[in-house]
């Protein structure tokens, strides 16, 4: 039997690579420094709870495959991306790094083409020079977002189906907007980490 545990994640600017700085500035401008700091503490608490829950699963890490929202590759390159993103402060990737140290395997999860499309929409919003350009970019993204996420979910479910072997457990770290579980092959027993 193949099993999958879905872990809903909270994206942070540290997870967003080259757009980190722009997203942090934009978020702080919207909510103010005090609320930003308070939110960061809540996010850190959330990730501490996720880590405790994962530790409580008592997994055989040599039989664990990790699937990460936004991760294009597995193997050595995937491992390097996880380490570099963890070093930049991503709680999500720090947990994944610990799981890899215990023997878990990181897998390619996303379609490069689909992720690039979404990245371009987000980049247009972050890099907009005027408020009108920002609003226009947000409207363009809003019109395509649901279709892109649906296509990404289908791709992610197929990637899991193709790589998760009998007797293994997959850990899917995925954003709240996604709905991957109904798209998985029927022989994968899936649940969400609460």
N, C-alpha and C. Protein backbone atom coordinates (compact mmCIF):
# COMPACT_ATOMS: atom_id res chain seq x y z
N UNK A 1 0.83 -1.19 0.00
CA UNK A 1 0.00 0.00 0.00
C UNK A 1 0.87 1.25 0.00
N UNK A 2 0.43 2.24 -0.75
CA UNK A 2 1.11 3.54 -0.78
C UNK A 2 0.30 4.52 0.06
N UNK A 3 1.01 5.34 0.83
CA UNK A 3 0.33 6.32 1.70
C UNK A 3 0.90 7.70 1.45
N UNK A 4 0.05 8.69 1.67
CA UNK A 4 0.47 10.08 1.52
C UNK A 4 -0.11 10.90 2.67
N UNK A 5 0.73 11.74 3.25
CA UNK A 5 0.29 12.68 4.27
C UNK A 5 0.45 14.08 3.69
N UNK A 6 -0.64 14.81 3.65
CA UNK A 6 -0.61 16.19 3.14
C UNK A 6 -0.39 17.14 4.31
N UNK A 7 0.56 18.05 4.15
CA UNK A 7 0.85 19.07 5.14
C UNK A 7 0.57 20.41 4.48
N UNK A 8 -0.47 21.10 4.94
CA UNK A 8 -0.78 22.44 4.40
C UNK A 8 0.29 23.41 4.89
N UNK A 9 0.81 24.20 3.97
CA UNK A 9 1.91 25.10 4.33
C UNK A 9 1.49 26.55 4.23
N UNK A 10 2.26 27.37 4.92
CA UNK A 10 2.14 28.81 4.86
C UNK A 10 3.37 29.31 4.12
N UNK A 11 3.16 29.88 2.94
CA UNK A 11 4.29 30.41 2.18
C UNK A 11 4.80 31.67 2.86
N UNK A 12 6.11 31.81 2.89
CA UNK A 12 6.74 33.02 3.41
C UNK A 12 7.67 33.58 2.34
N UNK A 13 8.06 34.84 2.47
CA UNK A 13 8.98 35.40 1.48
C UNK A 13 10.27 34.58 1.33
N UNK A 14 10.74 33.94 2.40
CA UNK A 14 11.95 33.12 2.32
C UNK A 14 11.81 31.97 1.33
N UNK A 15 10.55 31.54 1.10
CA UNK A 15 10.29 30.44 0.17
C UNK A 15 10.29 30.91 -1.29
N UNK A 16 10.29 32.22 -1.51
CA UNK A 16 10.03 32.76 -2.83
C UNK A 16 11.28 33.17 -3.61
N UNK A 17 12.43 32.75 -3.13
CA UNK A 17 13.67 32.97 -3.89
C UNK A 17 13.94 34.43 -4.19
N UNK A 18 14.11 34.74 -5.47
CA UNK A 18 14.52 36.08 -5.90
C UNK A 18 13.48 37.16 -5.61
N UNK A 19 12.25 36.77 -5.34
CA UNK A 19 11.21 37.76 -5.07
C UNK A 19 11.05 38.05 -3.58
N UNK A 20 11.89 37.45 -2.75
CA UNK A 20 11.78 37.58 -1.30
C UNK A 20 11.70 39.05 -0.86
N UNK A 21 12.69 39.82 -1.27
CA UNK A 21 12.78 41.21 -0.82
C UNK A 21 11.55 42.03 -1.20
N UNK A 22 11.13 41.92 -2.45
CA UNK A 22 9.97 42.67 -2.92
C UNK A 22 8.69 42.28 -2.20
N UNK A 23 8.52 40.99 -1.94
CA UNK A 23 7.33 40.52 -1.24
C UNK A 23 7.33 40.96 0.22
N UNK A 24 8.50 40.95 0.86
CA UNK A 24 8.59 41.41 2.25
C UNK A 24 8.24 42.90 2.34
N UNK A 25 8.81 43.71 1.45
CA UNK A 25 8.53 45.15 1.46
C UNK A 25 7.05 45.41 1.25
N UNK A 26 6.47 44.72 0.27
CA UNK A 26 5.05 44.90 -0.05
C UNK A 26 4.17 44.50 1.13
N UNK A 27 4.49 43.40 1.77
CA UNK A 27 3.70 42.94 2.92
C UNK A 27 3.81 43.89 4.09
N UNK A 28 5.03 44.35 4.38
CA UNK A 28 5.22 45.30 5.49
C UNK A 28 4.50 46.61 5.23
N UNK A 29 4.51 47.06 3.98
CA UNK A 29 3.82 48.31 3.63
C UNK A 29 2.32 48.18 3.84
N UNK A 30 1.77 47.01 3.58
CA UNK A 30 0.33 46.80 3.74
C UNK A 30 -0.09 46.73 5.21
N UNK A 31 0.68 46.01 6.04
CA UNK A 31 0.23 45.73 7.41
C UNK A 31 1.01 46.47 8.49
N UNK A 32 2.16 47.04 8.16
CA UNK A 32 2.98 47.71 9.16
C UNK A 32 3.97 46.75 9.81
N UNK A 33 5.02 47.32 10.34
CA UNK A 33 6.12 46.51 10.90
C UNK A 33 5.68 45.66 12.09
N UNK A 34 4.87 46.24 12.98
CA UNK A 34 4.45 45.51 14.18
C UNK A 34 3.61 44.28 13.83
N UNK A 35 2.63 44.44 12.95
CA UNK A 35 1.80 43.30 12.54
C UNK A 35 2.62 42.30 11.75
N UNK A 36 3.57 42.79 10.95
CA UNK A 36 4.45 41.90 10.19
C UNK A 36 5.23 41.00 11.16
N UNK A 37 5.85 41.61 12.19
CA UNK A 37 6.63 40.85 13.16
C UNK A 37 5.75 39.84 13.91
N UNK A 38 4.55 40.27 14.28
CA UNK A 38 3.61 39.39 14.98
C UNK A 38 3.24 38.19 14.09
N UNK A 39 3.00 38.47 12.82
CA UNK A 39 2.68 37.42 11.87
C UNK A 39 3.84 36.44 11.72
N UNK A 40 5.07 36.95 11.69
CA UNK A 40 6.24 36.08 11.58
C UNK A 40 6.35 35.15 12.79
N UNK A 41 6.01 35.65 13.98
CA UNK A 41 6.02 34.81 15.18
C UNK A 41 4.96 33.70 15.08
N UNK A 42 3.79 34.05 14.56
CA UNK A 42 2.72 33.06 14.39
C UNK A 42 3.14 31.99 13.39
N UNK A 43 3.79 32.41 12.32
CA UNK A 43 4.25 31.46 11.30
C UNK A 43 5.31 30.52 11.89
N UNK A 44 6.23 31.07 12.68
CA UNK A 44 7.25 30.22 13.32
C UNK A 44 6.60 29.21 14.26
N UNK A 45 5.58 29.64 15.00
CA UNK A 45 4.85 28.73 15.90
C UNK A 45 4.16 27.63 15.08
N UNK A 46 3.53 28.01 13.97
CA UNK A 46 2.87 27.05 13.09
C UNK A 46 3.87 25.97 12.65
N UNK A 47 5.05 26.39 12.19
CA UNK A 47 6.03 25.42 11.71
C UNK A 47 6.57 24.56 12.83
N UNK A 48 6.71 25.09 14.04
CA UNK A 48 7.13 24.27 15.18
C UNK A 48 6.10 23.18 15.46
N UNK A 49 4.82 23.53 15.35
CA UNK A 49 3.75 22.54 15.56
C UNK A 49 3.77 21.47 14.46
N UNK A 50 4.00 21.89 13.20
CA UNK A 50 4.08 20.93 12.11
C UNK A 50 5.23 19.96 12.37
N UNK A 51 6.37 20.49 12.75
CA UNK A 51 7.53 19.63 13.00
C UNK A 51 7.25 18.64 14.12
N UNK A 52 6.59 19.08 15.19
CA UNK A 52 6.24 18.18 16.29
C UNK A 52 5.29 17.07 15.83
N UNK A 53 4.30 17.45 15.02
CA UNK A 53 3.34 16.45 14.51
C UNK A 53 4.04 15.44 13.60
N UNK A 54 4.95 15.91 12.76
CA UNK A 54 5.69 14.99 11.90
C UNK A 54 6.55 14.04 12.73
N UNK A 55 7.21 14.56 13.76
CA UNK A 55 8.02 13.71 14.63
C UNK A 55 7.15 12.66 15.30
N UNK A 56 5.90 13.01 15.61
CA UNK A 56 4.98 12.08 16.26
C UNK A 56 4.50 10.95 15.36
N UNK A 57 4.75 11.04 14.05
CA UNK A 57 4.33 9.98 13.13
C UNK A 57 5.25 8.76 13.19
N UNK A 58 6.44 8.92 13.80
CA UNK A 58 7.41 7.82 13.94
C UNK A 58 7.64 7.09 12.61
N UNK A 59 8.07 7.84 11.62
CA UNK A 59 8.24 7.31 10.26
C UNK A 59 9.58 6.59 10.09
N UNK A 60 9.58 5.61 9.21
CA UNK A 60 10.82 4.99 8.74
C UNK A 60 11.28 5.88 7.57
N UNK A 61 12.18 6.79 7.85
CA UNK A 61 12.54 7.83 6.88
C UNK A 61 13.14 7.29 5.59
N UNK A 62 13.68 6.09 5.62
CA UNK A 62 14.20 5.50 4.40
C UNK A 62 13.08 5.11 3.43
N UNK A 63 11.84 5.15 3.91
CA UNK A 63 10.68 4.84 3.07
C UNK A 63 9.80 6.07 2.87
N UNK A 64 10.38 7.25 3.08
CA UNK A 64 9.62 8.51 2.95
C UNK A 64 10.08 9.27 1.72
N UNK A 65 9.11 9.70 0.93
CA UNK A 65 9.37 10.58 -0.22
C UNK A 65 8.70 11.92 0.07
N UNK A 66 9.44 12.99 -0.19
CA UNK A 66 8.95 14.34 0.09
C UNK A 66 8.59 15.04 -1.22
N UNK A 67 7.40 15.62 -1.24
CA UNK A 67 6.90 16.39 -2.38
C UNK A 67 6.62 17.80 -1.87
N UNK A 68 7.28 18.79 -2.47
CA UNK A 68 7.21 20.17 -2.00
C UNK A 68 6.61 21.08 -3.05
N UNK A 69 5.59 21.81 -2.65
CA UNK A 69 4.98 22.85 -3.48
C UNK A 69 6.09 23.76 -4.03
N UNK A 70 6.14 23.89 -5.34
CA UNK A 70 7.11 24.79 -5.97
C UNK A 70 8.46 24.17 -6.29
N UNK A 71 8.67 22.89 -5.94
CA UNK A 71 9.98 22.28 -6.18
C UNK A 71 10.00 21.56 -7.53
N UNK A 72 10.90 21.98 -8.37
CA UNK A 72 10.97 21.48 -9.75
C UNK A 72 11.81 20.22 -9.92
N UNK A 73 12.69 19.93 -8.96
CA UNK A 73 13.60 18.81 -9.17
C UNK A 73 13.87 18.06 -7.87
N UNK A 74 14.27 16.82 -8.02
CA UNK A 74 14.69 16.00 -6.90
C UNK A 74 16.19 15.77 -7.00
N UNK A 75 16.65 14.66 -6.44
CA UNK A 75 18.06 14.31 -6.53
C UNK A 75 18.97 15.35 -5.88
N UNK A 76 20.21 15.39 -6.36
CA UNK A 76 21.21 16.30 -5.79
C UNK A 76 20.82 17.76 -5.93
N UNK A 77 20.26 18.13 -7.09
CA UNK A 77 19.86 19.52 -7.29
C UNK A 77 18.71 19.89 -6.35
N UNK A 78 17.74 19.02 -6.20
CA UNK A 78 16.64 19.26 -5.28
C UNK A 78 17.14 19.41 -3.85
N UNK A 79 18.08 18.55 -3.46
CA UNK A 79 18.65 18.62 -2.12
C UNK A 79 19.38 19.95 -1.91
N UNK A 80 20.11 20.40 -2.93
CA UNK A 80 20.83 21.67 -2.83
C UNK A 80 19.85 22.84 -2.69
N UNK A 81 18.77 22.80 -3.46
CA UNK A 81 17.75 23.86 -3.36
C UNK A 81 17.15 23.88 -1.96
N UNK A 82 16.86 22.70 -1.41
CA UNK A 82 16.31 22.63 -0.06
C UNK A 82 17.29 23.25 0.94
N UNK A 83 18.55 22.86 0.87
CA UNK A 83 19.55 23.40 1.82
C UNK A 83 19.70 24.91 1.68
N UNK A 84 19.79 25.42 0.44
CA UNK A 84 19.96 26.86 0.23
C UNK A 84 18.75 27.64 0.71
N UNK A 85 17.56 27.13 0.46
CA UNK A 85 16.35 27.84 0.89
C UNK A 85 16.21 27.77 2.41
N UNK A 86 16.58 26.65 3.00
CA UNK A 86 16.58 26.54 4.47
C UNK A 86 17.55 27.54 5.08
N UNK A 87 18.73 27.69 4.46
CA UNK A 87 19.73 28.64 4.96
C UNK A 87 19.24 30.09 4.88
N UNK A 88 18.29 30.36 3.99
CA UNK A 88 17.74 31.72 3.86
C UNK A 88 16.60 31.97 4.84
N UNK A 89 16.29 30.98 5.68
CA UNK A 89 15.31 31.19 6.74
C UNK A 89 13.96 30.53 6.55
N UNK A 90 13.79 29.71 5.51
CA UNK A 90 12.51 29.05 5.29
C UNK A 90 12.30 27.93 6.30
N UNK A 91 11.29 28.09 7.17
CA UNK A 91 10.97 27.04 8.15
C UNK A 91 10.57 25.75 7.42
N UNK A 92 9.77 25.88 6.38
CA UNK A 92 9.31 24.75 5.57
C UNK A 92 10.52 23.93 5.10
N UNK A 93 11.48 24.59 4.49
CA UNK A 93 12.64 23.89 3.94
C UNK A 93 13.59 23.41 5.04
N UNK A 94 13.61 24.08 6.18
CA UNK A 94 14.42 23.59 7.29
C UNK A 94 13.90 22.25 7.79
N UNK A 95 12.58 22.11 7.85
CA UNK A 95 11.99 20.83 8.25
C UNK A 95 12.31 19.76 7.22
N UNK A 96 12.16 20.10 5.95
CA UNK A 96 12.47 19.13 4.89
C UNK A 96 13.94 18.72 4.96
N UNK A 97 14.83 19.67 5.22
CA UNK A 97 16.25 19.35 5.37
C UNK A 97 16.49 18.34 6.48
N UNK A 98 15.80 18.50 7.60
CA UNK A 98 15.95 17.55 8.70
C UNK A 98 15.43 16.17 8.30
N UNK A 99 14.32 16.14 7.57
CA UNK A 99 13.78 14.87 7.11
C UNK A 99 14.75 14.16 6.16
N UNK A 100 15.38 14.95 5.29
CA UNK A 100 16.37 14.37 4.36
C UNK A 100 17.57 13.83 5.13
N UNK A 101 18.02 14.54 6.18
CA UNK A 101 19.15 14.07 6.99
C UNK A 101 18.83 12.73 7.64
N UNK A 102 17.56 12.50 7.91
CA UNK A 102 17.13 11.24 8.54
C UNK A 102 16.94 10.12 7.51
N UNK A 103 17.05 10.45 6.21
CA UNK A 103 16.97 9.41 5.18
C UNK A 103 15.85 9.57 4.17
N UNK A 104 14.98 10.57 4.33
CA UNK A 104 13.89 10.80 3.38
C UNK A 104 14.45 11.28 2.04
N UNK A 105 13.71 11.00 0.97
CA UNK A 105 14.12 11.35 -0.39
C UNK A 105 13.26 12.49 -0.92
N UNK A 106 13.90 13.51 -1.48
CA UNK A 106 13.17 14.63 -2.08
C UNK A 106 12.86 14.29 -3.54
N UNK A 107 11.65 14.60 -3.97
CA UNK A 107 11.22 14.29 -5.33
C UNK A 107 10.87 15.57 -6.10
N UNK A 108 11.07 15.53 -7.40
CA UNK A 108 10.57 16.60 -8.27
C UNK A 108 9.05 16.58 -8.17
N UNK A 109 8.45 17.74 -7.98
CA UNK A 109 7.02 17.80 -7.70
C UNK A 109 6.25 18.60 -8.74
N UNK A 110 6.86 19.62 -9.31
CA UNK A 110 6.15 20.59 -10.14
C UNK A 110 6.55 20.54 -11.61
N UNK A 111 5.67 21.06 -12.44
CA UNK A 111 5.93 21.28 -13.86
C UNK A 111 6.68 22.59 -14.03
N UNK A 112 7.86 22.57 -14.64
CA UNK A 112 8.59 23.82 -14.86
C UNK A 112 7.77 24.85 -15.65
N UNK A 113 7.06 24.39 -16.67
CA UNK A 113 6.30 25.32 -17.52
C UNK A 113 5.19 26.01 -16.72
N UNK A 114 4.44 25.23 -15.95
CA UNK A 114 3.33 25.80 -15.19
C UNK A 114 3.82 26.72 -14.09
N UNK A 115 4.88 26.32 -13.41
CA UNK A 115 5.41 27.15 -12.34
C UNK A 115 5.98 28.46 -12.89
N UNK A 116 6.62 28.39 -14.05
CA UNK A 116 7.16 29.59 -14.67
C UNK A 116 6.04 30.57 -15.03
N UNK A 117 4.93 30.04 -15.55
CA UNK A 117 3.79 30.91 -15.87
C UNK A 117 3.31 31.65 -14.62
N UNK A 118 3.15 30.90 -13.52
CA UNK A 118 2.68 31.54 -12.29
C UNK A 118 3.70 32.54 -11.77
N UNK A 119 4.97 32.18 -11.84
CA UNK A 119 6.05 33.08 -11.40
C UNK A 119 6.00 34.40 -12.17
N UNK A 120 5.76 34.33 -13.47
CA UNK A 120 5.71 35.54 -14.29
C UNK A 120 4.57 36.46 -13.87
N UNK A 121 3.42 35.89 -13.55
CA UNK A 121 2.30 36.71 -13.07
C UNK A 121 2.63 37.39 -11.75
N UNK A 122 3.21 36.64 -10.82
CA UNK A 122 3.56 37.19 -9.51
C UNK A 122 4.66 38.24 -9.65
N UNK A 123 5.63 37.94 -10.48
CA UNK A 123 6.73 38.88 -10.72
C UNK A 123 6.21 40.21 -11.28
N UNK A 124 5.24 40.14 -12.19
CA UNK A 124 4.66 41.36 -12.76
C UNK A 124 4.00 42.21 -11.68
N UNK A 125 3.37 41.58 -10.70
CA UNK A 125 2.74 42.34 -9.61
C UNK A 125 3.80 42.98 -8.72
N UNK A 126 4.82 42.20 -8.37
CA UNK A 126 5.86 42.70 -7.46
C UNK A 126 6.68 43.80 -8.11
N UNK A 127 6.95 43.69 -9.41
CA UNK A 127 7.80 44.66 -10.10
C UNK A 127 7.05 45.82 -10.75
N UNK A 128 5.74 45.88 -10.58
CA UNK A 128 4.96 46.96 -11.17
C UNK A 128 5.45 48.32 -10.67
N UNK A 129 5.62 49.25 -11.60
CA UNK A 129 6.15 50.57 -11.27
C UNK A 129 5.09 51.51 -10.69
N UNK A 130 3.86 51.32 -11.10
CA UNK A 130 2.78 52.20 -10.63
C UNK A 130 1.67 51.37 -10.00
N UNK A 131 0.80 52.05 -9.27
CA UNK A 131 -0.34 51.36 -8.65
C UNK A 131 -1.27 50.78 -9.72
N UNK A 132 -1.45 51.50 -10.82
CA UNK A 132 -2.30 51.00 -11.90
C UNK A 132 -1.71 49.73 -12.50
N UNK A 133 -0.39 49.72 -12.75
CA UNK A 133 0.27 48.52 -13.28
C UNK A 133 0.12 47.35 -12.31
N UNK A 134 0.24 47.62 -11.02
CA UNK A 134 0.10 46.58 -10.00
C UNK A 134 -1.31 46.00 -10.02
N UNK A 135 -2.32 46.87 -10.10
CA UNK A 135 -3.72 46.43 -10.14
C UNK A 135 -3.98 45.62 -11.40
N UNK A 136 -3.49 46.11 -12.55
CA UNK A 136 -3.67 45.38 -13.81
C UNK A 136 -3.01 44.01 -13.76
N UNK A 137 -1.81 43.94 -13.20
CA UNK A 137 -1.09 42.67 -13.08
C UNK A 137 -1.85 41.71 -12.15
N UNK A 138 -2.38 42.24 -11.07
CA UNK A 138 -3.15 41.42 -10.14
C UNK A 138 -4.41 40.88 -10.79
N UNK A 139 -5.07 41.69 -11.59
CA UNK A 139 -6.27 41.24 -12.30
C UNK A 139 -5.95 40.15 -13.32
N UNK A 140 -4.83 40.31 -14.04
CA UNK A 140 -4.42 39.28 -15.00
C UNK A 140 -4.15 37.95 -14.29
N UNK A 141 -3.45 38.04 -13.16
CA UNK A 141 -3.14 36.83 -12.39
C UNK A 141 -4.42 36.20 -11.85
N UNK A 142 -5.32 37.03 -11.34
CA UNK A 142 -6.57 36.53 -10.77
C UNK A 142 -7.39 35.75 -11.79
N UNK A 143 -7.37 36.21 -13.05
CA UNK A 143 -8.13 35.53 -14.11
C UNK A 143 -7.54 34.15 -14.43
N UNK A 144 -6.25 33.96 -14.25
CA UNK A 144 -5.58 32.71 -14.63
C UNK A 144 -5.27 31.79 -13.45
N UNK A 145 -5.31 32.33 -12.25
CA UNK A 145 -4.84 31.61 -11.06
C UNK A 145 -5.50 30.24 -10.87
N UNK A 146 -6.82 30.18 -10.93
CA UNK A 146 -7.52 28.91 -10.68
C UNK A 146 -7.15 27.84 -11.71
N UNK A 147 -7.06 28.24 -12.98
CA UNK A 147 -6.68 27.28 -14.03
C UNK A 147 -5.25 26.79 -13.83
N UNK A 148 -4.36 27.71 -13.48
CA UNK A 148 -2.97 27.33 -13.25
C UNK A 148 -2.84 26.37 -12.07
N UNK A 149 -3.53 26.68 -10.99
CA UNK A 149 -3.44 25.82 -9.80
C UNK A 149 -4.03 24.45 -10.10
N UNK A 150 -5.15 24.40 -10.81
CA UNK A 150 -5.75 23.12 -11.20
C UNK A 150 -4.76 22.29 -12.04
N UNK A 151 -4.13 22.93 -13.01
CA UNK A 151 -3.16 22.22 -13.86
C UNK A 151 -1.96 21.75 -13.04
N UNK A 152 -1.50 22.59 -12.12
CA UNK A 152 -0.38 22.20 -11.25
C UNK A 152 -0.78 21.02 -10.36
N UNK A 153 -2.01 21.05 -9.83
CA UNK A 153 -2.47 19.95 -8.97
C UNK A 153 -2.49 18.63 -9.72
N UNK A 154 -2.96 18.65 -10.95
CA UNK A 154 -2.98 17.44 -11.78
C UNK A 154 -1.56 16.93 -11.99
N UNK A 155 -0.63 17.84 -12.30
CA UNK A 155 0.76 17.46 -12.51
C UNK A 155 1.36 16.87 -11.23
N UNK A 156 1.12 17.53 -10.09
CA UNK A 156 1.66 17.06 -8.81
C UNK A 156 1.13 15.67 -8.48
N UNK A 157 -0.17 15.45 -8.66
CA UNK A 157 -0.76 14.14 -8.38
C UNK A 157 -0.12 13.06 -9.25
N UNK A 158 0.13 13.38 -10.50
CA UNK A 158 0.77 12.42 -11.41
C UNK A 158 2.21 12.15 -10.96
N UNK A 159 2.94 13.20 -10.57
CA UNK A 159 4.32 13.02 -10.10
C UNK A 159 4.35 12.10 -8.88
N UNK A 160 3.41 12.28 -7.98
CA UNK A 160 3.33 11.42 -6.79
C UNK A 160 3.02 9.99 -7.22
N UNK A 161 2.02 9.84 -8.08
CA UNK A 161 1.64 8.51 -8.56
C UNK A 161 2.77 7.78 -9.26
N UNK A 162 3.60 8.53 -9.97
CA UNK A 162 4.72 7.93 -10.73
C UNK A 162 5.91 7.55 -9.87
N UNK A 163 6.08 8.19 -8.71
CA UNK A 163 7.30 7.98 -7.93
C UNK A 163 7.10 7.29 -6.59
N UNK A 164 5.93 7.39 -6.00
CA UNK A 164 5.67 6.78 -4.69
C UNK A 164 5.46 5.28 -4.88
N UNK A 165 6.28 4.49 -4.22
CA UNK A 165 6.26 3.03 -4.39
C UNK A 165 5.45 2.36 -3.27
N UNK A 166 5.08 1.11 -3.53
CA UNK A 166 4.35 0.32 -2.55
C UNK A 166 5.18 0.23 -1.26
N UNK A 167 4.53 0.45 -0.12
CA UNK A 167 5.21 0.39 1.16
C UNK A 167 5.84 1.71 1.58
N UNK A 168 5.76 2.72 0.74
CA UNK A 168 6.35 4.02 1.06
C UNK A 168 5.27 5.01 1.52
N UNK A 169 5.74 6.06 2.18
CA UNK A 169 4.88 7.15 2.63
C UNK A 169 5.38 8.43 1.99
N UNK A 170 4.49 9.16 1.37
CA UNK A 170 4.83 10.46 0.81
C UNK A 170 4.39 11.55 1.76
N UNK A 171 5.18 12.60 1.83
CA UNK A 171 4.81 13.80 2.58
C UNK A 171 4.67 14.93 1.56
N UNK A 172 3.47 15.44 1.41
CA UNK A 172 3.19 16.51 0.45
C UNK A 172 3.04 17.83 1.20
N UNK A 173 4.03 18.71 1.04
CA UNK A 173 3.98 20.05 1.62
C UNK A 173 3.37 20.95 0.55
N UNK A 174 2.13 21.43 0.79
CA UNK A 174 1.39 22.11 -0.28
C UNK A 174 0.59 23.29 0.28
N UNK A 175 0.52 24.36 -0.51
CA UNK A 175 -0.23 25.55 -0.13
C UNK A 175 -1.73 25.30 -0.05
N UNK A 176 -2.41 26.15 0.71
CA UNK A 176 -3.84 25.98 0.99
C UNK A 176 -4.73 26.10 -0.24
N UNK A 177 -4.28 26.76 -1.28
CA UNK A 177 -5.10 26.95 -2.48
C UNK A 177 -5.19 25.68 -3.32
N UNK A 178 -4.33 24.72 -3.05
CA UNK A 178 -4.26 23.50 -3.86
C UNK A 178 -5.26 22.44 -3.40
N UNK A 179 -5.60 21.54 -4.33
CA UNK A 179 -6.52 20.44 -4.05
C UNK A 179 -6.02 19.18 -4.76
N UNK A 180 -4.91 18.65 -4.30
CA UNK A 180 -4.23 17.53 -4.96
C UNK A 180 -4.87 16.18 -4.62
N UNK A 181 -5.30 15.98 -3.40
CA UNK A 181 -5.71 14.65 -2.94
C UNK A 181 -6.76 13.97 -3.83
N UNK A 182 -7.81 14.66 -4.29
CA UNK A 182 -8.79 13.98 -5.14
C UNK A 182 -8.24 13.53 -6.50
N UNK A 183 -7.09 14.05 -6.88
CA UNK A 183 -6.51 13.75 -8.19
C UNK A 183 -5.49 12.60 -8.13
N UNK A 184 -5.22 12.10 -6.93
CA UNK A 184 -4.25 11.02 -6.77
C UNK A 184 -4.79 9.71 -7.31
N UNK A 185 -3.89 8.80 -7.71
CA UNK A 185 -4.34 7.45 -8.09
C UNK A 185 -5.10 6.80 -6.92
N UNK A 186 -6.05 5.95 -7.26
CA UNK A 186 -6.94 5.34 -6.27
C UNK A 186 -6.22 4.47 -5.24
N UNK A 187 -5.05 3.94 -5.58
CA UNK A 187 -4.36 3.04 -4.65
C UNK A 187 -3.49 3.77 -3.65
N UNK A 188 -3.55 5.10 -3.59
CA UNK A 188 -2.80 5.86 -2.58
C UNK A 188 -3.77 6.26 -1.49
N UNK A 189 -3.48 5.80 -0.28
CA UNK A 189 -4.26 6.18 0.89
C UNK A 189 -3.75 7.53 1.38
N UNK A 190 -4.59 8.54 1.35
CA UNK A 190 -4.14 9.89 1.68
C UNK A 190 -4.90 10.46 2.88
N UNK A 191 -4.19 11.25 3.66
CA UNK A 191 -4.80 11.98 4.76
C UNK A 191 -4.07 13.30 4.93
N UNK A 192 -4.70 14.22 5.63
CA UNK A 192 -4.08 15.51 5.92
C UNK A 192 -3.59 15.54 7.35
N UNK A 193 -2.45 16.16 7.56
CA UNK A 193 -1.93 16.36 8.90
C UNK A 193 -2.74 17.50 9.52
N UNK A 194 -3.34 17.23 10.66
CA UNK A 194 -4.18 18.27 11.29
C UNK A 194 -3.42 19.10 12.28
